[in-house]
Amino acid sequence: MWGLVLIRGILAVIFGLLALFAPVLTLYAIVFVFAAYALVEGVIQIVHAIRVRHRDRRWGWLLATGVIAVIAGIVAFVFPGAAGLVYGSFGLALIAFYSVMMGIAGFPAAASATDGGRKVLGYIVAGLSIVLGVVLAIILVAQPVLAIINLIWVVGVWAIIIGVTLIIAAIGARTRATGRRAPRSGSGAEPAQG
């Protein structure tokens, strides 16, 4: 089992390095994976909708979502740069919105803290969350491509950290597993003389 964890870790590190050193290529790869997924998912939904059309009155909605998924997949394959820009911008806009909303929600939470130090820390974190969300939104509007590339770099760093963690965990699991199987030499266990 440790071998699978090791493979996951190595693949995560490779993905992270690709994201850091070839962010545009990584964005295209992500778009193509999405496009393939959307096409397959759409075809499956269309086939399923046709199969259940006589017993499910909602089959039309299933058919419509399948057609939309197929169209989205085709558009992503034909225009991968535009698809990456749209998907990346949408993702970053959600992150910026989330950051601002969490910051706003953080002020009442900070106000309810009874400890003075925690209250101050809560206000600081809430304020920083709002500021970072606004800054991200401004960068996204002013330089969307740069913002998306920076997001890919962040994902790359995250993937490397996760990958290294998985590799360390796999090595530790292997060490523990091999330690249980055979006694180590010099462990004090002497064979019986007979």
C-alpha atoms as a PDB file:
ATOM      1  CA  MET A   1       0.000   0.000   0.000  1.00  0.00           C
ATOM      2  CA  TRP A   2       2.888   2.381   0.716  1.00  0.00           C
ATOM      3  CA  GLY A   3       3.896   2.068  -2.947  1.00  0.00           C
ATOM      4  CA  LEU A   4       0.649   3.682  -4.116  1.00  0.00           C
ATOM      5  CA  VAL A   5       1.151   6.556  -1.683  1.00  0.00           C
ATOM      6  CA  LEU A   6       4.704   6.965  -2.989  1.00  0.00           C
ATOM      7  CA  ILE A   7       3.460   7.075  -6.600  1.00  0.00           C
ATOM      8  CA  ARG A   8       0.838   9.686  -5.668  1.00  0.00           C
ATOM      9  CA  GLY A   9       3.527  11.776  -4.000  1.00  0.00           C
ATOM     10  CA  ILE A  10       5.884  11.558  -6.960  1.00  0.00           C
ATOM     11  CA  LEU A  11       3.087  12.472  -9.395  1.00  0.00           C
ATOM     12  CA  ALA A  12       2.059  15.423  -7.202  1.00  0.00           C
ATOM     13  CA  VAL A  13       5.648  16.713  -7.148  1.00  0.00           C
ATOM     14  CA  ILE A  14       5.924  16.317 -10.940  1.00  0.00           C
ATOM     15  CA  PHE A  15       2.627  18.184 -11.417  1.00  0.00           C
ATOM     16  CA  GLY A  16       3.807  20.906  -9.033  1.00  0.00           C
ATOM     17  CA  LEU A  17       7.094  21.344 -10.868  1.00  0.00           C
ATOM     18  CA  LEU A  18       5.257  21.528 -14.194  1.00  0.00           C
ATOM     19  CA  ALA A  19       2.911  24.136 -12.749  1.00  0.00           C
ATOM     20  CA  LEU A  20       5.851  26.211 -11.526  1.00  0.00           C
ATOM     21  CA  PHE A  21       8.049  25.972 -14.601  1.00  0.00           C
ATOM     22  CA  ALA A  22       5.423  25.655 -17.351  1.00  0.00           C
ATOM     23  CA  PRO A  23       2.247  27.333 -16.027  1.00  0.00           C
ATOM     24  CA  VAL A  24       0.730  27.963 -19.455  1.00  0.00           C
ATOM     25  CA  LEU A  25       1.265  24.327 -20.463  1.00  0.00           C
ATOM     26  CA  THR A  26      -0.275  23.286 -17.138  1.00  0.00           C
ATOM     27  CA  LEU A  27      -3.296  25.500 -17.753  1.00  0.00           C
ATOM     28  CA  TYR A  28      -3.772  23.934 -21.185  1.00  0.00           C
ATOM     29  CA  ALA A  29      -3.468  20.461 -19.671  1.00  0.00           C
ATOM     30  CA  ILE A  30      -6.111  21.290 -17.067  1.00  0.00           C
ATOM     31  CA  VAL A  31      -8.402  22.667 -19.779  1.00  0.00           C
ATOM     32  CA  PHE A  32      -7.954  19.545 -21.924  1.00  0.00           C
ATOM     33  CA  VAL A  33      -8.684  17.272 -18.962  1.00  0.00           C
ATOM     34  CA  PHE A  34     -11.823  19.289 -18.267  1.00  0.00           C
ATOM     35  CA  ALA A  35     -12.806  19.174 -21.951  1.00  0.00           C
ATOM     36  CA  ALA A  36     -12.410  15.395 -22.092  1.00  0.00           C
ATOM     37  CA  TYR A  37     -14.371  14.993 -18.857  1.00  0.00           C
ATOM     38  CA  ALA A  38     -17.167  17.281 -20.103  1.00  0.00           C
ATOM     39  CA  LEU A  39     -17.434  15.381 -23.388  1.00  0.00           C
ATOM     40  CA  VAL A  40     -17.569  11.969 -21.731  1.00  0.00           C
ATOM     41  CA  GLU A  41     -19.959  13.161 -19.029  1.00  0.00           C
ATOM     42  CA  GLY A  42     -22.185  14.820 -21.625  1.00  0.00           C
ATOM     43  CA  VAL A  43     -22.352  11.742 -23.838  1.00  0.00           C
ATOM     44  CA  ILE A  44     -23.178   9.560 -20.819  1.00  0.00           C
ATOM     45  CA  GLN A  45     -25.961  11.947 -19.788  1.00  0.00           C
ATOM     46  CA  ILE A  46     -27.387  12.030 -23.306  1.00  0.00           C
ATOM     47  CA  VAL A  47     -27.392   8.235 -23.579  1.00  0.00           C
ATOM     48  CA  HIS A  48     -28.951   7.914 -20.131  1.00  0.00           C
ATOM     49  CA  ALA A  49     -31.614  10.516 -20.972  1.00  0.00           C
ATOM     50  CA  ILE A  50     -32.560   8.626 -24.133  1.00  0.00           C
ATOM     51  CA  ARG A  51     -32.760   5.335 -22.208  1.00  0.00           C
ATOM     52  CA  VAL A  52     -35.053   6.697 -19.472  1.00  0.00           C
ATOM     53  CA  ARG A  53     -37.196   8.973 -21.643  1.00  0.00           C
ATOM     54  CA  HIS A  54     -40.261   6.682 -21.353  1.00  0.00           C
ATOM     55  CA  ARG A  55     -40.138   6.251 -17.568  1.00  0.00           C
ATOM     56  CA  ASP A  56     -38.765   9.583 -16.320  1.00  0.00           C
ATOM     57  CA  ARG A  57     -40.612  12.812 -17.092  1.00  0.00           C
ATOM     58  CA  ARG A  58     -37.453  14.820 -16.314  1.00  0.00           C
ATOM     59  CA  TRP A  59     -35.417  13.171 -19.050  1.00  0.00           C
ATOM     60  CA  GLY A  60     -35.427  16.409 -21.028  1.00  0.00           C
ATOM     61  CA  TRP A  61     -33.407  18.190 -18.357  1.00  0.00           C
ATOM     62  CA  LEU A  62     -30.905  15.355 -18.312  1.00  0.00           C
ATOM     63  CA  LEU A  63     -30.669  15.559 -22.101  1.00  0.00           C
ATOM     64  CA  ALA A  64     -30.186  19.341 -21.952  1.00  0.00           C
ATOM     65  CA  THR A  65     -27.381  19.110 -19.380  1.00  0.00           C
ATOM     66  CA  GLY A  66     -25.721  16.442 -21.494  1.00  0.00           C
ATOM     67  CA  VAL A  67     -25.867  18.618 -24.598  1.00  0.00           C
ATOM     68  CA  ILE A  68     -24.502  21.615 -22.648  1.00  0.00           C
ATOM     69  CA  ALA A  69     -21.647  19.474 -21.307  1.00  0.00           C
ATOM     70  CA  VAL A  70     -20.771  18.253 -24.810  1.00  0.00           C
ATOM     71  CA  ILE A  71     -20.821  21.821 -26.142  1.00  0.00           C
ATOM     72  CA  ALA A  72     -18.620  23.012 -23.239  1.00  0.00           C
ATOM     73  CA  GLY A  73     -16.158  20.186 -23.937  1.00  0.00           C
ATOM     74  CA  ILE A  74     -15.996  20.967 -27.638  1.00  0.00           C
ATOM     75  CA  VAL A  75     -15.532  24.699 -26.990  1.00  0.00           C
ATOM     76  CA  ALA A  76     -12.740  23.936 -24.498  1.00  0.00           C
ATOM     77  CA  PHE A  77     -10.990  21.686 -27.044  1.00  0.00           C
ATOM     78  CA  VAL A  78     -11.337  24.204 -29.881  1.00  0.00           C
ATOM     79  CA  PHE A  79     -10.511  27.328 -27.831  1.00  0.00           C
ATOM     80  CA  PRO A  80      -8.335  26.117 -24.934  1.00  0.00           C
ATOM     81  CA  GLY A  81      -6.766  29.521 -24.252  1.00  0.00           C
ATOM     82  CA  ALA A  82     -10.114  31.269 -23.962  1.00  0.00           C
ATOM     83  CA  ALA A  83     -11.531  28.412 -21.906  1.00  0.00           C
ATOM     84  CA  GLY A  84      -8.571  28.589 -19.525  1.00  0.00           C
ATOM     85  CA  LEU A  85      -8.989  32.341 -19.174  1.00  0.00           C
ATOM     86  CA  VAL A  86     -12.720  32.043 -18.486  1.00  0.00           C
ATOM     87  CA  TYR A  87     -12.432  29.098 -16.068  1.00  0.00           C
ATOM     88  CA  GLY A  88      -9.429  30.601 -14.298  1.00  0.00           C
ATOM     89  CA  SER A  89     -11.045  34.032 -14.019  1.00  0.00           C
ATOM     90  CA  PHE A  90     -14.238  32.510 -12.666  1.00  0.00           C
ATOM     91  CA  GLY A  91     -12.293  30.485 -10.111  1.00  0.00           C
ATOM     92  CA  LEU A  92     -10.291  33.495  -8.972  1.00  0.00           C
ATOM     93  CA  ALA A  93     -13.419  35.646  -8.785  1.00  0.00           C
ATOM     94  CA  LEU A  94     -14.992  33.032  -6.511  1.00  0.00           C
ATOM     95  CA  ILE A  95     -11.882  33.001  -4.314  1.00  0.00           C
ATOM     96  CA  ALA A  96     -11.890  36.819  -4.093  1.00  0.00           C
ATOM     97  CA  PHE A  97     -15.616  36.899  -3.273  1.00  0.00           C
ATOM     98  CA  TYR A  98     -15.174  34.160  -0.662  1.00  0.00           C
ATOM     99  CA  SER A  99     -12.263  35.998   0.933  1.00  0.00           C
ATOM    100  CA  VAL A 100     -14.221  39.256   1.222  1.00  0.00           C
ATOM    101  CA  MET A 101     -17.343  37.502   2.571  1.00  0.00           C
ATOM    102  CA  MET A 102     -15.320  35.535   5.135  1.00  0.00           C
ATOM    103  CA  GLY A 103     -13.633  38.747   6.211  1.00  0.00           C
ATOM    104  CA  ILE A 104     -16.978  40.495   6.659  1.00  0.00           C
ATOM    105  CA  ALA A 105     -18.310  37.513   8.613  1.00  0.00           C
ATOM    106  CA  GLY A 106     -15.122  37.503  10.674  1.00  0.00           C
ATOM    107  CA  PHE A 107     -15.786  40.895  12.271  1.00  0.00           C
ATOM    108  CA  PRO A 108     -18.852  39.799  14.289  1.00  0.00           C
ATOM    109  CA  ALA A 109     -16.999  36.625  15.231  1.00  0.00           C
ATOM    110  CA  ALA A 110     -14.046  38.698  16.446  1.00  0.00           C
ATOM    111  CA  ALA A 111     -16.354  41.036  18.349  1.00  0.00           C
ATOM    112  CA  SER A 112     -17.826  38.089  20.240  1.00  0.00           C
ATOM    113  CA  ALA A 113     -14.404  36.904  21.445  1.00  0.00           C
ATOM    114  CA  THR A 114     -13.947  37.427  25.184  1.00  0.00           C
ATOM    115  CA  ASP A 115     -10.154  37.346  25.250  1.00  0.00           C
ATOM    116  CA  GLY A 116      -8.615  40.672  24.223  1.00  0.00           C
ATOM    117  CA  GLY A 117      -5.761  39.033  22.303  1.00  0.00           C
ATOM    118  CA  ARG A 118      -8.088  36.764  20.364  1.00  0.00           C
ATOM    119  CA  LYS A 119     -10.401  39.661  19.630  1.00  0.00           C
ATOM    120  CA  VAL A 120      -7.550  41.715  18.152  1.00  0.00           C
ATOM    121  CA  LEU A 121      -6.280  38.721  16.172  1.00  0.00           C
ATOM    122  CA  GLY A 122      -9.806  38.100  14.865  1.00  0.00           C
ATOM    123  CA  TYR A 123     -10.102  41.696  13.677  1.00  0.00           C
ATOM    124  CA  ILE A 124      -6.698  41.520  12.009  1.00  0.00           C
ATOM    125  CA  VAL A 125      -7.486  38.260  10.205  1.00  0.00           C
ATOM    126  CA  ALA A 126     -10.919  39.519   9.107  1.00  0.00           C
ATOM    127  CA  GLY A 127      -9.434  42.762   7.821  1.00  0.00           C
ATOM    128  CA  LEU A 128      -6.627  40.978   5.980  1.00  0.00           C
ATOM    129  CA  SER A 129      -9.123  38.592   4.403  1.00  0.00           C
ATOM    130  CA  ILE A 130     -11.097  41.529   3.004  1.00  0.00           C
ATOM    131  CA  VAL A 131      -7.988  43.348   1.822  1.00  0.00           C
ATOM    132  CA  LEU A 132      -6.565  40.254   0.131  1.00  0.00           C
ATOM    133  CA  GLY A 133      -9.898  39.535  -1.555  1.00  0.00           C
ATOM    134  CA  VAL A 134     -10.114  43.084  -2.893  1.00  0.00           C
ATOM    135  CA  VAL A 135      -6.474  43.021  -4.057  1.00  0.00           C
ATOM    136  CA  LEU A 136      -7.089  39.701  -5.824  1.00  0.00           C
ATOM    137  CA  ALA A 137     -10.163  41.149  -7.533  1.00  0.00           C
ATOM    138  CA  ILE A 138      -8.190  44.214  -8.682  1.00  0.00           C
ATOM    139  CA  ILE A 139      -5.362  42.054 -10.027  1.00  0.00           C
ATOM    140  CA  LEU A 140      -7.907  39.827 -11.760  1.00  0.00           C
ATOM    141  CA  VAL A 141      -9.499  42.812 -13.492  1.00  0.00           C
ATOM    142  CA  ALA A 142      -6.212  44.550 -14.328  1.00  0.00           C
ATOM    143  CA  GLN A 143      -4.104  41.503 -15.304  1.00  0.00           C
ATOM    144  CA  PRO A 144      -6.292  38.380 -15.643  1.00  0.00           C
ATOM    145  CA  VAL A 145      -3.617  36.257 -17.326  1.00  0.00           C
ATOM    146  CA  LEU A 146      -1.037  37.134 -14.679  1.00  0.00           C
ATOM    147  CA  ALA A 147      -3.577  36.379 -11.936  1.00  0.00           C
ATOM    148  CA  ILE A 148      -4.329  32.959 -13.420  1.00  0.00           C
ATOM    149  CA  ILE A 149      -0.636  32.130 -13.817  1.00  0.00           C
ATOM    150  CA  ASN A 150      -0.086  33.103 -10.185  1.00  0.00           C
ATOM    151  CA  LEU A 151      -2.948  30.814  -9.177  1.00  0.00           C
ATOM    152  CA  ILE A 152      -1.295  27.986 -11.104  1.00  0.00           C
ATOM    153  CA  TRP A 153       1.978  28.701  -9.275  1.00  0.00           C
ATOM    154  CA  VAL A 154       0.169  28.554  -5.927  1.00  0.00           C
ATOM    155  CA  VAL A 155      -1.405  25.242  -6.938  1.00  0.00           C
ATOM    156  CA  GLY A 156       2.058  24.053  -8.014  1.00  0.00           C
ATOM    157  CA  VAL A 157       3.613  24.916  -4.658  1.00  0.00           C
ATOM    158  CA  TRP A 158       0.683  23.251  -2.893  1.00  0.00           C
ATOM    159  CA  ALA A 159       1.108  20.121  -5.040  1.00  0.00           C
ATOM    160  CA  ILE A 160       4.821  19.955  -4.235  1.00  0.00           C
ATOM    161  CA  ILE A 161       4.142  20.294  -0.496  1.00  0.00           C
ATOM    162  CA  ILE A 162       1.462  17.598  -0.646  1.00  0.00           C
ATOM    163  CA  GLY A 163       3.699  15.398  -2.815  1.00  0.00           C
ATOM    164  CA  VAL A 164       6.683  15.660  -0.475  1.00  0.00           C
ATOM    165  CA  THR A 165       4.386  14.931   2.477  1.00  0.00           C
ATOM    166  CA  LEU A 166       3.057  11.819   0.725  1.00  0.00           C
ATOM    167  CA  ILE A 167       6.575  10.666  -0.166  1.00  0.00           C
ATOM    168  CA  ILE A 168       7.708  11.062   3.459  1.00  0.00           C
ATOM    169  CA  ALA A 169       4.602   9.210   4.663  1.00  0.00           C
ATOM    170  CA  ALA A 170       5.223   6.395   2.159  1.00  0.00           C
ATOM    171  CA  ILE A 171       8.856   6.024   3.195  1.00  0.00           C
ATOM    172  CA  GLY A 172       7.809   5.993   6.857  1.00  0.00           C
ATOM    173  CA  ALA A 173       5.136   3.372   6.178  1.00  0.00           C
ATOM    174  CA  ARG A 174       7.623   1.223   4.280  1.00  0.00           C
ATOM    175  CA  THR A 175      10.160   1.516   7.073  1.00  0.00           C
ATOM    176  CA  ARG A 176       7.567   0.497   9.661  1.00  0.00           C
ATOM    177  CA  ALA A 177       6.317  -2.362   7.486  1.00  0.00           C
ATOM    178  CA  THR A 178       9.785  -3.803   6.869  1.00  0.00           C
ATOM    179  CA  GLY A 179      10.653  -3.369  10.550  1.00  0.00           C
ATOM    180  CA  ARG A 180       7.739  -5.610  11.553  1.00  0.00           C
ATOM    181  CA  ARG A 181       8.556  -8.363   9.089  1.00  0.00           C
ATOM    182  CA  ALA A 182      12.117  -9.255   9.959  1.00  0.00           C
ATOM    183  CA  PRO A 183      14.123  -8.767  13.129  1.00  0.00           C
ATOM    184  CA  ARG A 184      17.002  -6.394  12.710  1.00  0.00           C
ATOM    185  CA  SER A 185      20.548  -7.671  13.010  1.00  0.00           C
ATOM    186  CA  GLY A 186      22.117  -6.936  16.344  1.00  0.00           C
ATOM    187  CA  SER A 187      18.759  -6.736  18.056  1.00  0.00           C
ATOM    188  CA  GLY A 188      19.917  -9.050  20.794  1.00  0.00           C
ATOM    189  CA  ALA A 189      17.938 -12.055  19.598  1.00  0.00           C
ATOM    190  CA  GLU A 190      20.401 -14.925  19.374  1.00  0.00           C
ATOM    191  CA  PRO A 191      19.532 -18.196  17.654  1.00  0.00           C
ATOM    192  CA  ALA A 192      19.174 -21.129  20.035  1.00  0.00           C
ATOM    193  CA  GLN A 193      22.211 -23.393  20.254  1.00  0.00           C
ATOM    194  CA  GLY A 194      21.318 -26.947  20.397  1.00  0.00           C
END
